[in-house]
C-alpha atoms as a PDB file:
ATOM      1  CA  MET A   1      12.607 -16.974 -23.961  1.00  0.00           C
ATOM      2  CA  SER A   2       9.085 -17.838 -22.848  1.00  0.00           C
ATOM      3  CA  GLU A   3       6.052 -16.686 -24.805  1.00  0.00           C
ATOM      4  CA  THR A   4       3.355 -14.718 -23.044  1.00  0.00           C
ATOM      5  CA  ASP A   5      -0.122 -16.084 -22.439  1.00  0.00           C
ATOM      6  CA  SER A   6      -1.712 -12.870 -23.747  1.00  0.00           C
ATOM      7  CA  ARG A   7      -0.753 -13.509 -27.360  1.00  0.00           C
ATOM      8  CA  PRO A   8      -3.578 -14.094 -29.910  1.00  0.00           C
ATOM      9  CA  GLY A   9      -5.383 -17.428 -29.636  1.00  0.00           C
ATOM     10  CA  ARG A  10      -5.191 -20.199 -32.211  1.00  0.00           C
ATOM     11  CA  THR A  11      -8.926 -20.168 -32.890  1.00  0.00           C
ATOM     12  CA  VAL A  12     -11.732 -17.607 -32.866  1.00  0.00           C
ATOM     13  CA  GLU A  13     -15.479 -18.086 -32.509  1.00  0.00           C
ATOM     14  CA  CYS A  14     -17.565 -17.200 -35.545  1.00  0.00           C
ATOM     15  CA  ALA A  15     -21.349 -16.929 -35.932  1.00  0.00           C
ATOM     16  CA  ILE A  16     -22.558 -19.034 -38.872  1.00  0.00           C
ATOM     17  CA  ASP A  17     -25.695 -20.393 -40.516  1.00  0.00           C
ATOM     18  CA  ARG A  18     -25.531 -24.172 -40.699  1.00  0.00           C
ATOM     19  CA  PHE A  19     -27.623 -25.892 -43.374  1.00  0.00           C
ATOM     20  CA  GLU A  20     -28.862 -29.408 -42.704  1.00  0.00           C
ATOM     21  CA  GLY A  21     -31.208 -30.405 -45.493  1.00  0.00           C
ATOM     22  CA  PRO A  22     -34.068 -27.895 -45.551  1.00  0.00           C
ATOM     23  CA  SER A  23     -33.375 -26.600 -42.025  1.00  0.00           C
ATOM     24  CA  THR A  24     -31.093 -23.743 -40.948  1.00  0.00           C
ATOM     25  CA  GLN A  25     -29.393 -23.403 -37.567  1.00  0.00           C
ATOM     26  CA  HIS A  26     -27.805 -20.224 -36.213  1.00  0.00           C
ATOM     27  CA  VAL A  27     -24.770 -21.486 -34.330  1.00  0.00           C
ATOM     28  CA  TYR A  28     -21.166 -20.664 -33.498  1.00  0.00           C
ATOM     29  CA  ASP A  29     -18.179 -22.363 -35.038  1.00  0.00           C
ATOM     30  CA  GLU A  30     -14.455 -22.278 -34.304  1.00  0.00           C
ATOM     31  CA  VAL A  31     -12.214 -21.096 -37.140  1.00  0.00           C
ATOM     32  CA  VAL A  32      -8.437 -21.027 -37.298  1.00  0.00           C
ATOM     33  CA  THR A  33      -6.767 -17.720 -36.469  1.00  0.00           C
ATOM     34  CA  GLU A  34      -4.659 -16.298 -39.295  1.00  0.00           C
ATOM     35  CA  GLU A  35      -2.418 -13.330 -38.580  1.00  0.00           C
ATOM     36  CA  PRO A  36       0.886 -11.993 -39.969  1.00  0.00           C
ATOM     37  CA  LEU A  37       4.169 -12.628 -38.209  1.00  0.00           C
ATOM     38  CA  GLU A  38       7.131 -10.387 -38.948  1.00  0.00           C
ATOM     39  CA  ILE A  39      10.539 -11.900 -38.216  1.00  0.00           C
ATOM     40  CA  ARG A  40      13.281  -9.436 -37.332  1.00  0.00           C
ATOM     41  CA  VAL A  41      16.931 -10.081 -36.507  1.00  0.00           C
ATOM     42  CA  ILE A  42      19.109  -7.976 -34.216  1.00  0.00           C
ATOM     43  CA  ALA A  43      22.904  -7.964 -34.315  1.00  0.00           C
ATOM     44  CA  GLY A  44      25.610  -5.431 -33.567  1.00  0.00           C
ATOM     45  CA  GLY A  45      23.058  -2.952 -32.238  1.00  0.00           C
ATOM     46  CA  ALA A  46      21.116  -2.905 -35.548  1.00  0.00           C
ATOM     47  CA  THR A  47      17.705  -4.379 -36.438  1.00  0.00           C
ATOM     48  CA  GLN A  48      16.624  -5.816 -39.777  1.00  0.00           C
ATOM     49  CA  SER A  49      13.251  -7.148 -40.927  1.00  0.00           C
ATOM     50  CA  LEU A  50      13.712 -10.404 -42.832  1.00  0.00           C
ATOM     51  CA  ALA A  51      10.260 -11.737 -43.646  1.00  0.00           C
ATOM     52  CA  VAL A  52       6.533 -11.611 -43.050  1.00  0.00           C
ATOM     53  CA  THR A  53       4.462 -14.780 -43.137  1.00  0.00           C
ATOM     54  CA  MET A  54       0.813 -15.542 -42.449  1.00  0.00           C
ATOM     55  CA  ARG A  55       0.611 -18.004 -39.578  1.00  0.00           C
ATOM     56  CA  THR A  56      -1.514 -19.432 -36.798  1.00  0.00           C
ATOM     57  CA  PRO A  57      -0.403 -17.808 -33.502  1.00  0.00           C
ATOM     58  CA  GLY A  58       1.404 -20.127 -31.120  1.00  0.00           C
ATOM     59  CA  ASN A  59       4.980 -21.441 -31.000  1.00  0.00           C
ATOM     60  CA  ASP A  60       6.044 -18.169 -32.628  1.00  0.00           C
ATOM     61  CA  PHE A  61       9.574 -18.305 -31.219  1.00  0.00           C
ATOM     62  CA  GLU A  62      10.007 -21.818 -32.611  1.00  0.00           C
ATOM     63  CA  LEU A  63       8.723 -20.624 -35.983  1.00  0.00           C
ATOM     64  CA  ALA A  64      11.228 -17.765 -36.066  1.00  0.00           C
ATOM     65  CA  ALA A  65      14.129 -19.995 -34.999  1.00  0.00           C
ATOM     66  CA  GLY A  66      13.186 -22.690 -37.492  1.00  0.00           C
ATOM     67  CA  PHE A  67      12.895 -20.201 -40.322  1.00  0.00           C
ATOM     68  CA  LEU A  68      16.346 -18.734 -39.598  1.00  0.00           C
ATOM     69  CA  LEU A  69      17.747 -22.243 -39.373  1.00  0.00           C
ATOM     70  CA  SER A  70      16.252 -23.481 -42.639  1.00  0.00           C
ATOM     71  CA  GLU A  71      17.516 -20.410 -44.471  1.00  0.00           C
ATOM     72  CA  GLY A  72      21.078 -20.726 -43.154  1.00  0.00           C
ATOM     73  CA  ILE A  73      21.053 -17.568 -41.036  1.00  0.00           C
ATOM     74  CA  VAL A  74      21.740 -19.637 -37.919  1.00  0.00           C
ATOM     75  CA  ARG A  75      23.360 -23.071 -37.784  1.00  0.00           C
ATOM     76  CA  LYS A  76      23.266 -23.952 -34.078  1.00  0.00           C
ATOM     77  CA  ARG A  77      21.623 -23.025 -30.796  1.00  0.00           C
ATOM     78  CA  GLY A  78      24.578 -20.847 -29.831  1.00  0.00           C
ATOM     79  CA  ASP A  79      23.928 -18.492 -32.764  1.00  0.00           C
ATOM     80  CA  ILE A  80      20.809 -17.186 -31.005  1.00  0.00           C
ATOM     81  CA  ALA A  81      21.247 -14.929 -27.975  1.00  0.00           C
ATOM     82  CA  GLY A  82      17.537 -14.414 -27.315  1.00  0.00           C
ATOM     83  CA  ILE A  83      14.042 -14.284 -28.801  1.00  0.00           C
ATOM     84  CA  SER A  84      11.282 -11.898 -27.759  1.00  0.00           C
ATOM     85  CA  TYR A  85       8.134 -10.197 -28.944  1.00  0.00           C
ATOM     86  CA  CYS A  86       8.386  -6.554 -29.987  1.00  0.00           C
ATOM     87  CA  ILE A  87       8.076  -4.107 -27.072  1.00  0.00           C
ATOM     88  CA  ASP A  88       8.335  -0.930 -29.143  1.00  0.00           C
ATOM     89  CA  PRO A  89       5.827   1.505 -27.532  1.00  0.00           C
ATOM     90  CA  ARG A  90       5.191   3.088 -30.943  1.00  0.00           C
ATOM     91  CA  ILE A  91       3.489  -0.119 -32.124  1.00  0.00           C
ATOM     92  CA  ASP A  92      -0.111  -0.931 -31.196  1.00  0.00           C
ATOM     93  CA  ALA A  93      -0.238  -3.338 -28.267  1.00  0.00           C
ATOM     94  CA  GLU A  94      -2.157  -6.037 -30.156  1.00  0.00           C
ATOM     95  CA  GLN A  95       0.408  -5.997 -32.964  1.00  0.00           C
ATOM     96  CA  ARG A  96       3.410  -6.507 -30.700  1.00  0.00           C
ATOM     97  CA  TYR A  97       2.672 -10.213 -30.598  1.00  0.00           C
ATOM     98  CA  ASN A  98       2.838 -10.315 -34.395  1.00  0.00           C
ATOM     99  CA  ILE A  99       6.502  -9.257 -34.415  1.00  0.00           C
ATOM    100  CA  VAL A 100       9.302 -11.508 -33.176  1.00  0.00           C
ATOM    101  CA  ASN A 101      12.822 -10.208 -32.585  1.00  0.00           C
ATOM    102  CA  VAL A 102      15.655 -12.723 -32.776  1.00  0.00           C
ATOM    103  CA  GLU A 103      18.884 -11.434 -31.259  1.00  0.00           C
ATOM    104  CA  LEU A 104      21.912 -13.055 -32.856  1.00  0.00           C
ATOM    105  CA  THR A 105      25.271 -13.601 -31.191  1.00  0.00           C
ATOM    106  CA  SER A 106      26.906 -12.367 -34.396  1.00  0.00           C
ATOM    107  CA  SER A 107      28.406  -8.896 -34.346  1.00  0.00           C
ATOM    108  CA  GLU A 108      26.716  -7.938 -37.632  1.00  0.00           C
ATOM    109  CA  LEU A 109      23.474  -8.470 -39.484  1.00  0.00           C
ATOM    110  CA  PRO A 110      23.210 -11.054 -42.284  1.00  0.00           C
ATOM    111  CA  ASP A 111      23.484  -9.839 -45.866  1.00  0.00           C
ATOM    112  CA  ALA A 112      19.886  -9.003 -46.858  1.00  0.00           C
ATOM    113  CA  ALA A 113      20.661  -9.540 -50.559  1.00  0.00           C
ATOM    114  CA  ARG A 114      21.136 -13.263 -49.849  1.00  0.00           C
ATOM    115  CA  PHE A 115      17.590 -13.579 -48.587  1.00  0.00           C
ATOM    116  CA  GLU A 116      15.516 -11.729 -51.188  1.00  0.00           C
ATOM    117  CA  ARG A 117      13.251 -14.717 -51.716  1.00  0.00           C
ATOM    118  CA  HIS A 118      12.295 -14.776 -48.034  1.00  0.00           C
ATOM    119  CA  PHE A 119       9.995 -11.822 -48.520  1.00  0.00           C
ATOM    120  CA  THR A 120       7.703 -14.055 -50.559  1.00  0.00           C
ATOM    121  CA  MET A 121       7.796 -17.044 -48.214  1.00  0.00           C
ATOM    122  CA  ASN A 122       4.135 -17.893 -48.819  1.00  0.00           C
ATOM    123  CA  SER A 123       5.028 -19.672 -52.065  1.00  0.00           C
ATOM    124  CA  SER A 124       4.294 -23.372 -51.814  1.00  0.00           C
ATOM    125  CA  CYS A 125       6.503 -24.645 -54.594  1.00  0.00           C
ATOM    126  CA  GLY A 126       9.840 -22.901 -54.243  1.00  0.00           C
ATOM    127  CA  ILE A 127      10.667 -19.610 -55.907  1.00  0.00           C
ATOM    128  CA  CYS A 128      14.125 -20.294 -57.227  1.00  0.00           C
ATOM    129  CA  GLY A 129      13.441 -23.766 -58.608  1.00  0.00           C
ATOM    130  CA  ARG A 130      16.446 -25.836 -59.625  1.00  0.00           C
ATOM    131  CA  ALA A 131      18.835 -22.995 -58.822  1.00  0.00           C
ATOM    132  CA  ASN A 132      18.153 -23.724 -55.179  1.00  0.00           C
ATOM    133  CA  LEU A 133      19.783 -27.133 -55.514  1.00  0.00           C
ATOM    134  CA  GLU A 134      23.005 -25.328 -56.294  1.00  0.00           C
ATOM    135  CA  ALA A 135      22.377 -22.884 -53.455  1.00  0.00           C
ATOM    136  CA  LEU A 136      21.977 -25.733 -50.974  1.00  0.00           C
ATOM    137  CA  ARG A 137      25.203 -27.344 -52.136  1.00  0.00           C
ATOM    138  CA  ASP A 138      26.989 -24.010 -51.918  1.00  0.00           C
ATOM    139  CA  ALA A 139      25.713 -23.650 -48.348  1.00  0.00           C
ATOM    140  CA  GLY A 140      27.425 -26.908 -47.418  1.00  0.00           C
ATOM    141  CA  ILE A 141      24.336 -29.151 -47.376  1.00  0.00           C
ATOM    142  CA  SER A 142      25.426 -32.683 -48.278  1.00  0.00           C
ATOM    143  CA  PRO A 143      23.467 -35.864 -49.089  1.00  0.00           C
ATOM    144  CA  LEU A 144      22.091 -37.644 -46.041  1.00  0.00           C
ATOM    145  CA  GLU A 145      23.374 -40.896 -44.564  1.00  0.00           C
ATOM    146  CA  ASP A 146      21.607 -44.214 -45.080  1.00  0.00           C
ATOM    147  CA  GLY A 147      21.395 -45.499 -41.490  1.00  0.00           C
ATOM    148  CA  VAL A 148      17.695 -45.064 -40.662  1.00  0.00           C
ATOM    149  CA  ARG A 149      15.156 -47.741 -41.578  1.00  0.00           C
ATOM    150  CA  LEU A 150      11.363 -47.604 -41.193  1.00  0.00           C
ATOM    151  CA  PRO A 151       9.155 -50.734 -41.345  1.00  0.00           C
ATOM    152  CA  ARG A 152       6.314 -50.370 -43.815  1.00  0.00           C
ATOM    153  CA  ARG A 153       3.746 -51.244 -41.135  1.00  0.00           C
ATOM    154  CA  MET A 154       4.975 -48.276 -39.057  1.00  0.00           C
ATOM    155  CA  LEU A 155       4.663 -45.992 -42.089  1.00  0.00           C
ATOM    156  CA  PHE A 156       0.983 -46.855 -42.528  1.00  0.00           C
ATOM    157  CA  ASP A 157       0.247 -46.134 -38.846  1.00  0.00           C
ATOM    158  CA  ILE A 158       1.753 -42.624 -38.787  1.00  0.00           C
ATOM    159  CA  PRO A 159      -1.175 -40.629 -40.328  1.00  0.00           C
ATOM    160  CA  ASP A 160      -3.596 -41.797 -37.626  1.00  0.00           C
ATOM    161  CA  LYS A 161      -1.084 -41.025 -34.877  1.00  0.00           C
ATOM    162  CA  MET A 162      -0.537 -37.510 -36.210  1.00  0.00           C
ATOM    163  CA  ARG A 163      -4.269 -36.869 -36.599  1.00  0.00           C
ATOM    164  CA  ALA A 164      -4.831 -37.936 -32.984  1.00  0.00           C
ATOM    165  CA  ALA A 165      -2.312 -35.285 -31.867  1.00  0.00           C
ATOM    166  CA  GLN A 166      -3.873 -32.457 -33.936  1.00  0.00           C
ATOM    167  CA  ARG A 167      -5.925 -30.746 -31.247  1.00  0.00           C
ATOM    168  CA  VAL A 168      -6.685 -27.542 -33.159  1.00  0.00           C
ATOM    169  CA  PHE A 169      -7.454 -29.394 -36.390  1.00  0.00           C
ATOM    170  CA  ALA A 170      -9.991 -31.490 -34.497  1.00  0.00           C
ATOM    171  CA  ALA A 171     -11.778 -28.285 -33.464  1.00  0.00           C
ATOM    172  CA  THR A 172     -11.561 -26.420 -36.779  1.00  0.00           C
ATOM    173  CA  GLY A 173     -10.615 -28.735 -39.656  1.00  0.00           C
ATOM    174  CA  GLY A 174      -8.496 -25.856 -40.980  1.00  0.00           C
ATOM    175  CA  LEU A 175      -4.849 -26.542 -40.141  1.00  0.00           C
ATOM    176  CA  HIS A 176      -1.849 -28.283 -41.625  1.00  0.00           C
ATOM    177  CA  ALA A 177       0.427 -30.342 -39.424  1.00  0.00           C
ATOM    178  CA  ALA A 178       4.012 -31.574 -39.431  1.00  0.00           C
ATOM    179  CA  ALA A 179       5.186 -34.395 -37.194  1.00  0.00           C
ATOM    180  CA  LEU A 180       8.537 -35.907 -36.317  1.00  0.00           C
ATOM    181  CA  PHE A 181       8.613 -39.652 -35.742  1.00  0.00           C
ATOM    182  CA  THR A 182      11.294 -42.144 -34.726  1.00  0.00           C
ATOM    183  CA  ALA A 183      12.311 -45.344 -36.497  1.00  0.00           C
ATOM    184  CA  ASP A 184       9.866 -47.363 -34.372  1.00  0.00           C
ATOM    185  CA  GLY A 185       6.985 -45.167 -35.588  1.00  0.00           C
ATOM    186  CA  ALA A 186       6.537 -43.229 -32.334  1.00  0.00           C
ATOM    187  CA  MET A 187       5.499 -39.561 -32.568  1.00  0.00           C
ATOM    188  CA  SER A 188       8.307 -37.341 -31.266  1.00  0.00           C
ATOM    189  CA  SER A 189       6.581 -33.963 -31.677  1.00  0.00           C
ATOM    190  CA  VAL A 190       3.737 -32.390 -33.673  1.00  0.00           C
ATOM    191  CA  ARG A 191       3.136 -28.763 -34.658  1.00  0.00           C
ATOM    192  CA  GLU A 192       0.104 -27.222 -36.386  1.00  0.00           C
ATOM    193  CA  ASP A 193      -0.218 -24.089 -38.501  1.00  0.00           C
ATOM    194  CA  ILE A 194      -2.309 -22.684 -41.312  1.00  0.00           C
ATOM    195  CA  GLY A 195       0.833 -23.096 -43.469  1.00  0.00           C
ATOM    196  CA  ARG A 196       2.587 -26.464 -43.633  1.00  0.00           C
ATOM    197  CA  HIS A 197       5.975 -24.768 -44.083  1.00  0.00           C
ATOM    198  CA  ASN A 198       5.365 -22.865 -40.852  1.00  0.00           C
ATOM    199  CA  ALA A 199       4.423 -26.106 -39.066  1.00  0.00           C
ATOM    200  CA  LEU A 200       7.750 -27.610 -40.152  1.00  0.00           C
ATOM    201  CA  ASP A 201       9.691 -24.508 -39.116  1.00  0.00           C
ATOM    202  CA  LYS A 202       8.058 -24.761 -35.687  1.00  0.00           C
ATOM    203  CA  LEU A 203       9.201 -28.388 -35.400  1.00  0.00           C
ATOM    204  CA  CYS A 204      12.776 -27.590 -36.413  1.00  0.00           C
ATOM    205  CA  GLY A 205      12.891 -24.463 -34.274  1.00  0.00           C
ATOM    206  CA  ALA A 206      11.760 -26.414 -31.216  1.00  0.00           C
ATOM    207  CA  ALA A 207      14.458 -29.022 -31.826  1.00  0.00           C
ATOM    208  CA  LEU A 208      17.096 -26.302 -32.198  1.00  0.00           C
ATOM    209  CA  LEU A 209      16.072 -24.401 -29.055  1.00  0.00           C
ATOM    210  CA  GLU A 210      15.818 -27.609 -26.999  1.00  0.00           C
ATOM    211  CA  GLY A 211      19.209 -28.971 -28.107  1.00  0.00           C
ATOM    212  CA  ARG A 212      17.777 -31.863 -30.175  1.00  0.00           C
ATOM    213  CA  PHE A 213      19.283 -30.797 -33.494  1.00  0.00           C
ATOM    214  CA  PRO A 214      20.148 -32.158 -36.078  1.00  0.00           C
ATOM    215  CA  LEU A 215      17.270 -34.559 -36.725  1.00  0.00           C
ATOM    216  CA  HIS A 216      19.113 -37.326 -38.572  1.00  0.00           C
ATOM    217  CA  GLN A 217      17.411 -40.088 -36.517  1.00  0.00           C
ATOM    218  CA  HIS A 218      13.888 -38.894 -37.318  1.00  0.00           C
ATOM    219  CA  GLY A 219      11.377 -39.003 -40.111  1.00  0.00           C
ATOM    220  CA  LEU A 220       8.935 -36.262 -41.081  1.00  0.00           C
ATOM    221  CA  PHE A 221       5.233 -36.552 -41.896  1.00  0.00           C
ATOM    222  CA  VAL A 222       3.326 -33.595 -43.348  1.00  0.00           C
ATOM    223  CA  SER A 223      -0.315 -33.054 -44.155  1.00  0.00           C
ATOM    224  CA  GLY A 224      -1.024 -31.943 -47.690  1.00  0.00           C
ATOM    225  CA  ARG A 225       1.594 -32.290 -50.384  1.00  0.00           C
ATOM    226  CA  ALA A 226       5.395 -32.358 -50.328  1.00  0.00           C
ATOM    227  CA  SER A 227       6.695 -29.192 -51.970  1.00  0.00           C
ATOM    228  CA  PHE A 228      10.233 -28.162 -52.850  1.00  0.00           C
ATOM    229  CA  GLU A 229      10.499 -26.015 -49.730  1.00  0.00           C
ATOM    230  CA  ILE A 230       9.419 -28.872 -47.442  1.00  0.00           C
ATOM    231  CA  LEU A 231      12.248 -30.986 -48.842  1.00  0.00           C
ATOM    232  CA  GLN A 232      14.681 -28.066 -48.637  1.00  0.00           C
ATOM    233  CA  LYS A 233      13.928 -27.610 -44.944  1.00  0.00           C
ATOM    234  CA  ALA A 234      14.247 -31.360 -44.372  1.00  0.00           C
ATOM    235  CA  ALA A 235      17.671 -31.409 -46.039  1.00  0.00           C
ATOM    236  CA  VAL A 236      18.923 -28.576 -43.834  1.00  0.00           C
ATOM    237  CA  ALA A 237      17.515 -30.268 -40.709  1.00  0.00           C
ATOM    238  CA  ARG A 238      19.092 -33.591 -41.834  1.00  0.00           C
ATOM    239  CA  ILE A 239      15.785 -35.484 -41.857  1.00  0.00           C
ATOM    240  CA  PRO A 240      16.278 -38.653 -43.975  1.00  0.00           C
ATOM    241  CA  ILE A 241      12.630 -39.698 -44.495  1.00  0.00           C
ATOM    242  CA  VAL A 242       9.842 -37.334 -45.621  1.00  0.00           C
ATOM    243  CA  CYS A 243       6.266 -38.615 -45.944  1.00  0.00           C
ATOM    244  CA  ALA A 244       3.167 -36.747 -47.082  1.00  0.00           C
ATOM    245  CA  VAL A 245      -0.564 -37.366 -47.239  1.00  0.00           C
ATOM    246  CA  SER A 246      -0.705 -36.050 -50.805  1.00  0.00           C
ATOM    247  CA  ALA A 247       1.534 -35.710 -53.863  1.00  0.00           C
ATOM    248  CA  PRO A 248       5.060 -34.330 -54.207  1.00  0.00           C
ATOM    249  CA  SER A 249       6.082 -31.768 -56.812  1.00  0.00           C
ATOM    250  CA  SER A 250       8.654 -32.535 -59.490  1.00  0.00           C
ATOM    251  CA  LEU A 251      11.222 -30.261 -57.845  1.00  0.00           C
ATOM    252  CA  ALA A 252      10.639 -31.971 -54.509  1.00  0.00           C
ATOM    253  CA  VAL A 253      11.435 -35.310 -56.153  1.00  0.00           C
ATOM    254  CA  ASP A 254      14.580 -33.852 -57.749  1.00  0.00           C
ATOM    255  CA  LEU A 255      15.787 -32.491 -54.425  1.00  0.00           C
ATOM    256  CA  ALA A 256      15.027 -35.734 -52.579  1.00  0.00           C
ATOM    257  CA  ARG A 257      16.974 -37.803 -55.096  1.00  0.00           C
ATOM    258  CA  HIS A 258      19.880 -35.381 -55.140  1.00  0.00           C
ATOM    259  CA  PHE A 259      20.258 -35.263 -51.346  1.00  0.00           C
ATOM    260  CA  ASN A 260      19.472 -38.948 -50.685  1.00  0.00           C
ATOM    261  CA  ILE A 261      16.165 -38.327 -48.904  1.00  0.00           C
ATOM    262  CA  THR A 262      13.452 -40.967 -48.898  1.00  0.00           C
ATOM    263  CA  LEU A 263      10.312 -39.278 -50.246  1.00  0.00           C
ATOM    264  CA  VAL A 264       6.945 -40.996 -49.806  1.00  0.00           C
ATOM    265  CA  GLY A 265       3.651 -39.549 -51.027  1.00  0.00           C
ATOM    266  CA  PHE A 266      -0.042 -40.478 -50.920  1.00  0.00           C
ATOM    267  CA  VAL A 267       0.321 -42.238 -47.556  1.00  0.00           C
ATOM    268  CA  ARG A 268      -3.288 -43.251 -47.018  1.00  0.00           C
ATOM    269  CA  GLY A 269      -4.606 -46.414 -45.436  1.00  0.00           C
ATOM    270  CA  GLU A 270      -2.187 -49.144 -46.472  1.00  0.00           C
ATOM    271  CA  ARG A 271      -1.058 -47.492 -49.700  1.00  0.00           C
ATOM    272  CA  ALA A 272       1.882 -45.210 -50.484  1.00  0.00           C
ATOM    273  CA  ASN A 273       4.068 -44.127 -53.411  1.00  0.00           C
ATOM    274  CA  VAL A 274       7.840 -44.033 -52.899  1.00  0.00           C
ATOM    275  CA  TYR A 275       9.581 -41.500 -55.145  1.00  0.00           C
ATOM    276  CA  SER A 276      13.189 -41.786 -53.975  1.00  0.00           C
ATOM    277  CA  CYS A 277      15.514 -43.893 -51.802  1.00  0.00           C
ATOM    278  CA  GLY A 278      12.949 -46.593 -51.072  1.00  0.00           C
ATOM    279  CA  GLU A 279      15.543 -48.829 -49.411  1.00  0.00           C
ATOM    280  CA  ARG A 280      14.891 -47.046 -46.095  1.00  0.00           C
ATOM    281  CA  ILE A 281      11.327 -48.450 -46.045  1.00  0.00           C
ATOM    282  CA  THR A 282      11.606 -52.133 -45.088  1.00  0.00           C
ATOM    283  CA  ALA A 283       9.095 -54.927 -45.602  1.00  0.00           C
END
């Protein structure tokens, strides 16, 4: 299930006028690539389109696997038989790398009616609101265990470690990132994308495909704010600590408290706000 090197790049070069005081320079700048990705599933000889999201090309198979995982379509590595780009000759060659087919081991396709909200996956605050708490419980998602502890000093060091690993952000300044870290504050893996939900799906998809799932011994750090959907994905992936550079939403706080997830916001310098389950952050 390797991705081809001929897929679209993560950045493109753009001619710009750069103002510096009264002077103007005609230069080139790197900007983040943004293209659609359609996620299709195949089972029992049938194909179904589940969602389209705007993303930064790269780690597309991880993104597809992580999305299916977070939405309960797959639960384990064995549920996926294969992942590939579209090879339909009726589709323009450059668009084939914007369509990912995930072949399931199931004999039938998932019920599309269960996933109506997926077709608007660009929402950053959760479409179904509090009803999704019930949906997560109905899907068998339980509160997380209390075993992991993170020293406060380690918490304050994580933003700099993640920034150092953001290669595309360093070139463009235009990407979100999500990072997994261990209880000693070490970076486990980092993924970048124009959408922070996509960056998290890439992280979870990589863990699933590499046999490192669930992630109950890890914490999560995200750039930007902590939305409902970030916490939803963390609950499914069994991540007990979620930290963000910016603020959480009210629904994110509700979900964190309900599922026993430590939620930390405004992690900047040596300051942070803890919104739930602060006992996991030790002095």
